[in-house]
C-alpha atoms as a PDB file:
ATOM      1  CA  MET A   1     -51.397  32.995 -38.183  1.00  0.00           C
ATOM      2  CA  LYS A   2     -51.546  36.360 -39.936  1.00  0.00           C
ATOM      3  CA  THR A   3     -48.247  37.474 -38.375  1.00  0.00           C
ATOM      4  CA  PHE A   4     -46.499  34.247 -39.384  1.00  0.00           C
ATOM      5  CA  GLY A   5     -47.745  34.715 -42.956  1.00  0.00           C
ATOM      6  CA  ILE A   6     -46.327  38.236 -43.092  1.00  0.00           C
ATOM      7  CA  VAL A   7     -42.995  37.009 -41.690  1.00  0.00           C
ATOM      8  CA  LEU A   8     -42.841  34.283 -44.356  1.00  0.00           C
ATOM      9  CA  ILE A   9     -43.531  36.820 -47.105  1.00  0.00           C
ATOM     10  CA  VAL A  10     -40.752  39.121 -45.873  1.00  0.00           C
ATOM     11  CA  VAL A  11     -38.263  36.249 -45.485  1.00  0.00           C
ATOM     12  CA  GLY A  12     -39.185  34.914 -48.923  1.00  0.00           C
ATOM     13  CA  LEU A  13     -38.608  38.295 -50.556  1.00  0.00           C
ATOM     14  CA  ILE A  14     -35.243  38.629 -48.818  1.00  0.00           C
ATOM     15  CA  MET A  15     -34.304  35.146 -50.032  1.00  0.00           C
ATOM     16  CA  LEU A  16     -35.212  36.155 -53.600  1.00  0.00           C
ATOM     17  CA  PHE A  17     -32.901  39.175 -53.625  1.00  0.00           C
ATOM     18  CA  VAL A  18     -30.063  37.840 -51.412  1.00  0.00           C
ATOM     19  CA  PRO A  19     -28.960  34.456 -52.778  1.00  0.00           C
ATOM     20  CA  SER A  20     -26.546  33.620 -49.945  1.00  0.00           C
ATOM     21  CA  LEU A  21     -25.217  34.654 -46.550  1.00  0.00           C
ATOM     22  CA  ASN A  22     -21.471  35.001 -45.983  1.00  0.00           C
ATOM     23  CA  PHE A  23     -19.783  35.041 -42.593  1.00  0.00           C
ATOM     24  CA  THR A  24     -16.295  34.512 -41.152  1.00  0.00           C
ATOM     25  CA  THR A  25     -15.345  32.339 -38.198  1.00  0.00           C
ATOM     26  CA  SER A  26     -12.045  32.081 -36.348  1.00  0.00           C
ATOM     27  CA  GLU A  27     -10.595  28.635 -35.693  1.00  0.00           C
ATOM     28  CA  LYS A  28      -7.639  27.678 -33.551  1.00  0.00           C
ATOM     29  CA  VAL A  29      -5.015  25.982 -35.676  1.00  0.00           C
ATOM     30  CA  ILE A  30      -2.291  25.598 -33.033  1.00  0.00           C
ATOM     31  CA  ASP A  31      -2.723  25.855 -29.267  1.00  0.00           C
ATOM     32  CA  ALA A  32       0.674  25.177 -27.699  1.00  0.00           C
ATOM     33  CA  GLY A  33       0.687  26.786 -24.260  1.00  0.00           C
ATOM     34  CA  PRO A  34       1.084  30.543 -24.559  1.00  0.00           C
ATOM     35  CA  ILE A  35       1.349  30.364 -28.359  1.00  0.00           C
ATOM     36  CA  GLN A  36      -1.944  30.315 -30.239  1.00  0.00           C
ATOM     37  CA  VAL A  37      -2.419  30.483 -33.978  1.00  0.00           C
ATOM     38  CA  THR A  38      -5.862  31.158 -35.398  1.00  0.00           C
ATOM     39  CA  ALA A  39      -7.138  31.135 -38.947  1.00  0.00           C
ATOM     40  CA  ASP A  40     -10.144  32.935 -40.365  1.00  0.00           C
ATOM     41  CA  LYS A  41     -12.468  30.680 -42.331  1.00  0.00           C
ATOM     42  CA  LYS A  42     -15.045  32.117 -44.720  1.00  0.00           C
ATOM     43  CA  ASN A  43     -18.383  30.302 -44.727  1.00  0.00           C
ATOM     44  CA  GLU A  44     -21.292  30.653 -47.106  1.00  0.00           C
ATOM     45  CA  ILE A  45     -24.868  29.485 -46.738  1.00  0.00           C
ATOM     46  CA  GLY A  46     -26.605  29.454 -50.098  1.00  0.00           C
ATOM     47  CA  TRP A  47     -30.079  28.541 -51.286  1.00  0.00           C
ATOM     48  CA  PRO A  48     -31.702  28.360 -54.697  1.00  0.00           C
ATOM     49  CA  THR A  49     -33.647  31.404 -55.849  1.00  0.00           C
ATOM     50  CA  TYR A  50     -36.884  29.481 -56.246  1.00  0.00           C
ATOM     51  CA  ALA A  51     -36.834  28.635 -52.515  1.00  0.00           C
ATOM     52  CA  GLY A  52     -37.530  32.296 -51.753  1.00  0.00           C
ATOM     53  CA  GLY A  53     -40.501  32.218 -54.095  1.00  0.00           C
ATOM     54  CA  ILE A  54     -41.860  29.101 -52.410  1.00  0.00           C
ATOM     55  CA  VAL A  55     -41.501  30.654 -48.946  1.00  0.00           C
ATOM     56  CA  ALA A  56     -43.172  33.897 -50.087  1.00  0.00           C
ATOM     57  CA  ALA A  57     -46.009  31.938 -51.737  1.00  0.00           C
ATOM     58  CA  ALA A  58     -46.535  29.960 -48.524  1.00  0.00           C
ATOM     59  CA  GLY A  59     -46.776  33.262 -46.648  1.00  0.00           C
ATOM     60  CA  VAL A  60     -49.380  34.587 -49.081  1.00  0.00           C
ATOM     61  CA  ILE A  61     -51.405  31.370 -48.719  1.00  0.00           C
ATOM     62  CA  LEU A  62     -51.305  31.655 -44.919  1.00  0.00           C
ATOM     63  CA  LEU A  63     -52.285  35.319 -45.071  1.00  0.00           C
ATOM     64  CA  VAL A  64     -55.236  34.621 -47.383  1.00  0.00           C
ATOM     65  CA  ALA A  65     -56.331  31.614 -45.321  1.00  0.00           C
ATOM     66  CA  SER A  66     -56.276  33.651 -42.110  1.00  0.00           C
ATOM     67  CA  LYS A  67     -58.475  36.374 -43.644  1.00  0.00           C
ATOM     68  CA  LYS A  68     -61.162  33.844 -44.614  1.00  0.00           C
ATOM     69  CA  ARG A  69     -61.672  32.807 -40.994  1.00  0.00           C
END
């Protein structure tokens, strides 16, 4: 329980300072025998800033609750 609380705190802090993740994927556009055409597509996964605060607060609550036991 203590480890999971620490992980939530770290993830929450990362979410506070990094508002989104960007990555690129390759997709086949045309596949006609030996000829293949691919296109790079940029993707973004975003979350609101307050979500990081909620996750970090949940981690603190778990950490405090595990110390009381």
